[in-house]
Amino acid sequence: MSEMNNQPNKNRKIFIVVFIAFVALFAYISYDMSSRTTAPWNKPKQLKRALPGATPDADSLKLDSLLKEVE
């Protein structure tokens, strides 16, 4: 009779361990994805850091289509 009492307790421990492992794995994958993704409002900043000359400054009237200053 004591073996039947022990079985649900063992299953509960296995469930808790698997649940914690699943949640930890899911949290790690979520963090990894979020660290590799740029928010839409930060994309111009990211482009400016990656390619400093790729985006025009605030005064774009001084720039032609080839990003050269017009005199």
PDB file of N, CA and C in Angstrom:
ATOM      1  N   MET A   1       0.806  -1.183   0.000  1.00  0.00           N
ATOM      2  CA  MET A   1       0.000   0.000   0.000  1.00  0.00           C
ATOM      3  C   MET A   1       0.868   1.275   0.000  1.00  0.00           C
ATOM      4  N   SER A   2       2.032   1.204   0.599  1.00  0.00           N
ATOM      5  CA  SER A   2       2.881   2.386   0.651  1.00  0.00           C
ATOM      6  C   SER A   2       3.463   2.727  -0.728  1.00  0.00           C
ATOM      7  N   GLU A   3       3.566   1.749  -1.636  1.00  0.00           N
ATOM      8  CA  GLU A   3       4.056   2.036  -2.985  1.00  0.00           C
ATOM      9  C   GLU A   3       3.058   2.901  -3.753  1.00  0.00           C
ATOM     10  N   MET A   4       1.777   2.692  -3.572  1.00  0.00           N
ATOM     11  CA  MET A   4       0.766   3.469  -4.283  1.00  0.00           C
ATOM     12  C   MET A   4       0.726   4.909  -3.788  1.00  0.00           C
ATOM     13  N   ASN A   5       1.020   5.117  -2.539  1.00  0.00           N
ATOM     14  CA  ASN A   5       1.068   6.461  -1.987  1.00  0.00           C
ATOM     15  C   ASN A   5       2.268   7.237  -2.518  1.00  0.00           C
ATOM     16  N   ASN A   6       3.347   6.551  -2.792  1.00  0.00           N
ATOM     17  CA  ASN A   6       4.582   7.190  -3.231  1.00  0.00           C
ATOM     18  C   ASN A   6       4.517   7.603  -4.702  1.00  0.00           C
ATOM     19  N   GLN A   7       3.740   6.918  -5.532  1.00  0.00           N
ATOM     20  CA  GLN A   7       3.691   7.166  -6.973  1.00  0.00           C
ATOM     21  C   GLN A   7       3.204   8.581  -7.321  1.00  0.00           C
ATOM     22  N   PRO A   8       2.096   9.086  -6.785  1.00  0.00           N
ATOM     23  CA  PRO A   8       1.669  10.450  -7.140  1.00  0.00           C
ATOM     24  C   PRO A   8       2.691  11.510  -6.726  1.00  0.00           C
ATOM     25  N   ASN A   9       3.350  11.312  -5.611  1.00  0.00           N
ATOM     26  CA  ASN A   9       4.361  12.270  -5.158  1.00  0.00           C
ATOM     27  C   ASN A   9       5.535  12.301  -6.135  1.00  0.00           C
ATOM     28  N   LYS A  10       5.947  11.144  -6.639  1.00  0.00           N
ATOM     29  CA  LYS A  10       7.042  11.063  -7.599  1.00  0.00           C
ATOM     30  C   LYS A  10       6.637  11.722  -8.924  1.00  0.00           C
ATOM     31  N   ASN A  11       5.425  11.466  -9.384  1.00  0.00           N
ATOM     32  CA  ASN A  11       4.937  12.091 -10.615  1.00  0.00           C
ATOM     33  C   ASN A  11       4.859  13.604 -10.475  1.00  0.00           C
ATOM     34  N   ARG A  12       4.472  14.066  -9.318  1.00  0.00           N
ATOM     35  CA  ARG A  12       4.391  15.516  -9.086  1.00  0.00           C
ATOM     36  C   ARG A  12       5.773  16.157  -9.143  1.00  0.00           C
ATOM     37  N   LYS A  13       6.768  15.490  -8.568  1.00  0.00           N
ATOM     38  CA  LYS A  13       8.141  16.022  -8.609  1.00  0.00           C
ATOM     39  C   LYS A  13       8.658  16.064 -10.040  1.00  0.00           C
ATOM     40  N   ILE A  14       8.382  15.007 -10.816  1.00  0.00           N
ATOM     41  CA  ILE A  14       8.808  14.987 -12.216  1.00  0.00           C
ATOM     42  C   ILE A  14       8.131  16.118 -12.985  1.00  0.00           C
ATOM     43  N   PHE A  15       6.844  16.313 -12.765  1.00  0.00           N
ATOM     44  CA  PHE A  15       6.115  17.385 -13.429  1.00  0.00           C
ATOM     45  C   PHE A  15       6.712  18.752 -13.095  1.00  0.00           C
ATOM     46  N   ILE A  16       7.016  18.987 -11.838  1.00  0.00           N
ATOM     47  CA  ILE A  16       7.568  20.277 -11.411  1.00  0.00           C
ATOM     48  C   ILE A  16       8.937  20.505 -12.047  1.00  0.00           C
ATOM     49  N   VAL A  17       9.786  19.481 -12.091  1.00  0.00           N
ATOM     50  CA  VAL A  17      11.114  19.626 -12.696  1.00  0.00           C
ATOM     51  C   VAL A  17      10.991  19.922 -14.187  1.00  0.00           C
ATOM     52  N   VAL A  18      10.129  19.194 -14.893  1.00  0.00           N
ATOM     53  CA  VAL A  18       9.938  19.415 -16.329  1.00  0.00           C
ATOM     54  C   VAL A  18       9.343  20.801 -16.572  1.00  0.00           C
ATOM     55  N   PHE A  19       8.405  21.204 -15.749  1.00  0.00           N
ATOM     56  CA  PHE A  19       7.790  22.525 -15.889  1.00  0.00           C
ATOM     57  C   PHE A  19       8.820  23.642 -15.705  1.00  0.00           C
ATOM     58  N   ILE A  20       9.642  23.535 -14.687  1.00  0.00           N
ATOM     59  CA  ILE A  20      10.672  24.557 -14.436  1.00  0.00           C
ATOM     60  C   ILE A  20      11.679  24.582 -15.583  1.00  0.00           C
ATOM     61  N   ALA A  21      12.068  23.414 -16.087  1.00  0.00           N
ATOM     62  CA  ALA A  21      13.009  23.364 -17.217  1.00  0.00           C
ATOM     63  C   ALA A  21      12.394  24.000 -18.458  1.00  0.00           C
ATOM     64  N   PHE A  22      11.117  23.732 -18.719  1.00  0.00           N
ATOM     65  CA  PHE A  22      10.435  24.304 -19.876  1.00  0.00           C
ATOM     66  C   PHE A  22      10.346  25.823 -19.762  1.00  0.00           C
ATOM     67  N   VAL A  23       9.959  26.319 -18.609  1.00  0.00           N
ATOM     68  CA  VAL A  23       9.840  27.767 -18.411  1.00  0.00           C
ATOM     69  C   VAL A  23      11.208  28.436 -18.534  1.00  0.00           C
ATOM     70  N   ALA A  24      12.245  27.809 -17.987  1.00  0.00           N
ATOM     71  CA  ALA A  24      13.594  28.377 -18.092  1.00  0.00           C
ATOM     72  C   ALA A  24      14.050  28.408 -19.548  1.00  0.00           C
ATOM     73  N   LEU A  25      13.799  27.344 -20.293  1.00  0.00           N
ATOM     74  CA  LEU A  25      14.173  27.310 -21.706  1.00  0.00           C
ATOM     75  C   LEU A  25      13.407  28.366 -22.486  1.00  0.00           C
ATOM     76  N   PHE A  26      12.123  28.496 -22.230  1.00  0.00           N
ATOM     77  CA  PHE A  26      11.313  29.488 -22.921  1.00  0.00           C
ATOM     78  C   PHE A  26      11.780  30.906 -22.584  1.00  0.00           C
ATOM     79  N   ALA A  27      12.118  31.162 -21.339  1.00  0.00           N
ATOM     80  CA  ALA A  27      12.616  32.483 -20.941  1.00  0.00           C
ATOM     81  C   ALA A  27      13.948  32.785 -21.628  1.00  0.00           C
ATOM     82  N   TYR A  28      14.823  31.797 -21.720  1.00  0.00           N
ATOM     83  CA  TYR A  28      16.117  31.999 -22.390  1.00  0.00           C
ATOM     84  C   TYR A  28      15.920  32.293 -23.868  1.00  0.00           C
ATOM     85  N   ILE A  29      15.046  31.541 -24.537  1.00  0.00           N
ATOM     86  CA  ILE A  29      14.802  31.777 -25.961  1.00  0.00           C
ATOM     87  C   ILE A  29      14.184  33.157 -26.172  1.00  0.00           C
ATOM     88  N   SER A  30      13.265  33.557 -25.311  1.00  0.00           N
ATOM     89  CA  SER A  30      12.646  34.884 -25.427  1.00  0.00           C
ATOM     90  C   SER A  30      13.680  35.991 -25.243  1.00  0.00           C
ATOM     91  N   TYR A  31      14.548  35.848 -24.264  1.00  0.00           N
ATOM     92  CA  TYR A  31      15.589  36.845 -24.034  1.00  0.00           C
ATOM     93  C   TYR A  31      16.546  36.912 -25.223  1.00  0.00           C
ATOM     94  N   ASP A  32      16.929  35.770 -25.754  1.00  0.00           N
ATOM     95  CA  ASP A  32      17.841  35.721 -26.885  1.00  0.00           C
ATOM     96  C   ASP A  32      17.220  36.404 -28.104  1.00  0.00           C
ATOM     97  N   MET A  33      15.952  36.137 -28.363  1.00  0.00           N
ATOM     98  CA  MET A  33      15.276  36.774 -29.501  1.00  0.00           C
ATOM     99  C   MET A  33      15.161  38.276 -29.307  1.00  0.00           C
ATOM    100  N   SER A  34      14.856  38.700 -28.097  1.00  0.00           N
ATOM    101  CA  SER A  34      14.687  40.135 -27.861  1.00  0.00           C
ATOM    102  C   SER A  34      16.019  40.878 -27.924  1.00  0.00           C
ATOM    103  N   SER A  35      17.103  40.210 -27.580  1.00  0.00           N
ATOM    104  CA  SER A  35      18.398  40.894 -27.644  1.00  0.00           C
ATOM    105  C   SER A  35      18.894  41.037 -29.075  1.00  0.00           C
ATOM    106  N   ARG A  36      18.397  40.202 -29.992  1.00  0.00           N
ATOM    107  CA  ARG A  36      18.803  40.282 -31.397  1.00  0.00           C
ATOM    108  C   ARG A  36      17.860  41.114 -32.232  1.00  0.00           C
ATOM    109  N   THR A  37      16.784  41.600 -31.657  1.00  0.00           N
ATOM    110  CA  THR A  37      15.765  42.335 -32.393  1.00  0.00           C
ATOM    111  C   THR A  37      15.830  43.808 -32.024  1.00  0.00           C
ATOM    112  N   THR A  38      15.626  44.659 -33.018  1.00  0.00           N
ATOM    113  CA  THR A  38      15.627  46.097 -32.791  1.00  0.00           C
ATOM    114  C   THR A  38      14.192  46.605 -32.815  1.00  0.00           C
ATOM    115  N   ALA A  39      13.839  47.403 -31.852  1.00  0.00           N
ATOM    116  CA  ALA A  39      12.509  47.994 -31.818  1.00  0.00           C
ATOM    117  C   ALA A  39      12.345  48.936 -33.012  1.00  0.00           C
ATOM    118  N   PRO A  40      11.145  49.074 -33.565  1.00  0.00           N
ATOM    119  CA  PRO A  40      10.949  49.925 -34.742  1.00  0.00           C
ATOM    120  C   PRO A  40      11.391  51.368 -34.532  1.00  0.00           C
ATOM    121  N   TRP A  41      11.229  51.890 -33.323  1.00  0.00           N
ATOM    122  CA  TRP A  41      11.611  53.279 -33.079  1.00  0.00           C
ATOM    123  C   TRP A  41      13.124  53.442 -32.908  1.00  0.00           C
ATOM    124  N   ASN A  42      13.886  52.348 -32.825  1.00  0.00           N
ATOM    125  CA  ASN A  42      15.342  52.443 -32.704  1.00  0.00           C
ATOM    126  C   ASN A  42      16.081  52.120 -34.000  1.00  0.00           C
ATOM    127  N   LYS A  43      15.370  51.788 -35.064  1.00  0.00           N
ATOM    128  CA  LYS A  43      16.037  51.389 -36.302  1.00  0.00           C
ATOM    129  C   LYS A  43      16.896  52.502 -36.900  1.00  0.00           C
ATOM    130  N   PRO A  44      16.457  53.760 -36.939  1.00  0.00           N
ATOM    131  CA  PRO A  44      17.350  54.801 -37.471  1.00  0.00           C
ATOM    132  C   PRO A  44      18.633  54.936 -36.655  1.00  0.00           C
ATOM    133  N   LYS A  45      18.525  54.791 -35.337  1.00  0.00           N
ATOM    134  CA  LYS A  45      19.713  54.876 -34.487  1.00  0.00           C
ATOM    135  C   LYS A  45      20.661  53.726 -34.788  1.00  0.00           C
ATOM    136  N   GLN A  46      20.106  52.531 -35.006  1.00  0.00           N
ATOM    137  CA  GLN A  46      20.938  51.372 -35.293  1.00  0.00           C
ATOM    138  C   GLN A  46      21.639  51.551 -36.636  1.00  0.00           C
ATOM    139  N   LEU A  47      20.933  52.063 -37.638  1.00  0.00           N
ATOM    140  CA  LEU A  47      21.534  52.281 -38.944  1.00  0.00           C
ATOM    141  C   LEU A  47      22.628  53.332 -38.858  1.00  0.00           C
ATOM    142  N   LYS A  48      22.414  54.348 -38.058  1.00  0.00           N
ATOM    143  CA  LYS A  48      23.421  55.406 -37.916  1.00  0.00           C
ATOM    144  C   LYS A  48      24.682  54.876 -37.230  1.00  0.00           C
ATOM    145  N   ARG A  49      24.520  53.954 -36.262  1.00  0.00           N
ATOM    146  CA  ARG A  49      25.683  53.352 -35.606  1.00  0.00           C
ATOM    147  C   ARG A  49      26.420  52.415 -36.547  1.00  0.00           C
ATOM    148  N   ALA A  50      25.674  51.641 -37.336  1.00  0.00           N
ATOM    149  CA  ALA A  50      26.298  50.653 -38.212  1.00  0.00           C
ATOM    150  C   ALA A  50      26.977  51.319 -39.403  1.00  0.00           C
ATOM    151  N   LEU A  51      26.302  52.264 -40.029  1.00  0.00           N
ATOM    152  CA  LEU A  51      26.828  52.951 -41.212  1.00  0.00           C
ATOM    153  C   LEU A  51      26.687  54.455 -40.989  1.00  0.00           C
ATOM    154  N   PRO A  52      27.694  55.102 -40.422  1.00  0.00           N
ATOM    155  CA  PRO A  52      27.555  56.510 -40.039  1.00  0.00           C
ATOM    156  C   PRO A  52      27.152  57.440 -41.180  1.00  0.00           C
ATOM    157  N   GLY A  53      27.566  57.177 -42.414  1.00  0.00           N
ATOM    158  CA  GLY A  53      27.217  58.076 -43.514  1.00  0.00           C
ATOM    159  C   GLY A  53      25.967  57.674 -44.253  1.00  0.00           C
ATOM    160  N   ALA A  54      25.281  56.648 -43.828  1.00  0.00           N
ATOM    161  CA  ALA A  54      24.147  56.121 -44.590  1.00  0.00           C
ATOM    162  C   ALA A  54      22.886  56.959 -44.445  1.00  0.00           C
ATOM    163  N   THR A  55      22.700  57.604 -43.316  1.00  0.00           N
ATOM    164  CA  THR A  55      21.489  58.393 -43.125  1.00  0.00           C
ATOM    165  C   THR A  55      21.849  59.872 -43.115  1.00  0.00           C
ATOM    166  N   PRO A  56      21.033  60.679 -43.757  1.00  0.00           N
ATOM    167  CA  PRO A  56      21.300  62.123 -43.737  1.00  0.00           C
ATOM    168  C   PRO A  56      21.034  62.708 -42.363  1.00  0.00           C
ATOM    169  N   ASP A  57      21.721  63.790 -42.059  1.00  0.00           N
ATOM    170  CA  ASP A  57      21.488  64.466 -40.789  1.00  0.00           C
ATOM    171  C   ASP A  57      20.151  65.202 -40.846  1.00  0.00           C
ATOM    172  N   ALA A  58      19.867  65.968 -39.835  1.00  0.00           N
ATOM    173  CA  ALA A  58      18.581  66.651 -39.740  1.00  0.00           C
ATOM    174  C   ALA A  58      18.351  67.594 -40.917  1.00  0.00           C
ATOM    175  N   ASP A  59      19.398  68.272 -41.395  1.00  0.00           N
ATOM    176  CA  ASP A  59      19.268  69.212 -42.502  1.00  0.00           C
ATOM    177  C   ASP A  59      19.620  68.490 -43.797  1.00  0.00           C
ATOM    178  N   SER A  60      18.649  67.856 -44.390  1.00  0.00           N
ATOM    179  CA  SER A  60      18.915  67.068 -45.587  1.00  0.00           C
ATOM    180  C   SER A  60      18.863  67.898 -46.856  1.00  0.00           C
ATOM    181  N   LEU A  61      18.528  69.190 -46.768  1.00  0.00           N
ATOM    182  CA  LEU A  61      18.483  70.023 -47.967  1.00  0.00           C
ATOM    183  C   LEU A  61      19.871  70.291 -48.528  1.00  0.00           C
ATOM    184  N   LYS A  62      20.899  70.134 -47.732  1.00  0.00           N
ATOM    185  CA  LYS A  62      22.266  70.351 -48.199  1.00  0.00           C
ATOM    186  C   LYS A  62      22.835  69.111 -48.881  1.00  0.00           C
ATOM    187  N   LEU A  63      22.073  68.044 -48.900  1.00  0.00           N
ATOM    188  CA  LEU A  63      22.576  66.794 -49.451  1.00  0.00           C
ATOM    189  C   LEU A  63      21.865  66.460 -50.757  1.00  0.00           C
ATOM    190  N   ASP A  64      22.636  65.960 -51.734  1.00  0.00           N
ATOM    191  CA  ASP A  64      21.990  65.518 -52.965  1.00  0.00           C
ATOM    192  C   ASP A  64      21.699  64.028 -52.867  1.00  0.00           C
ATOM    193  N   SER A  65      21.285  63.417 -53.951  1.00  0.00           N
ATOM    194  CA  SER A  65      20.884  62.022 -53.901  1.00  0.00           C
ATOM    195  C   SER A  65      22.047  61.083 -53.641  1.00  0.00           C
ATOM    196  N   LEU A  66      23.273  61.528 -53.845  1.00  0.00           N
ATOM    197  CA  LEU A  66      24.446  60.684 -53.607  1.00  0.00           C
ATOM    198  C   LEU A  66      25.054  60.943 -52.238  1.00  0.00           C
ATOM    199  N   LEU A  67      24.368  61.674 -51.375  1.00  0.00           N
ATOM    200  CA  LEU A  67      24.813  62.009 -50.025  1.00  0.00           C
ATOM    201  C   LEU A  67      26.118  62.806 -50.037  1.00  0.00           C
ATOM    202  N   LYS A  68      26.285  63.646 -51.058  1.00  0.00           N
ATOM    203  CA  LYS A  68      27.424  64.559 -51.099  1.00  0.00           C
ATOM    204  C   LYS A  68      26.895  65.960 -50.841  1.00  0.00           C
ATOM    205  N   GLU A  69      27.691  66.747 -50.159  1.00  0.00           N
ATOM    206  CA  GLU A  69      27.250  68.098 -49.842  1.00  0.00           C
ATOM    207  C   GLU A  69      27.179  68.956 -51.107  1.00  0.00           C
ATOM    208  N   VAL A  70      26.115  69.749 -51.222  1.00  0.00           N
ATOM    209  CA  VAL A  70      25.942  70.665 -52.353  1.00  0.00           C
ATOM    210  C   VAL A  70      26.486  72.004 -51.924  1.00  0.00           C
ATOM    211  N   GLU A  71      27.279  72.581 -52.760  1.00  0.00           N
ATOM    212  CA  GLU A  71      27.886  73.885 -52.408  1.00  0.00           C
ATOM    213  C   GLU A  71      27.085  75.030 -52.931  1.00  0.00           C
TER     214      GLU A  71
END
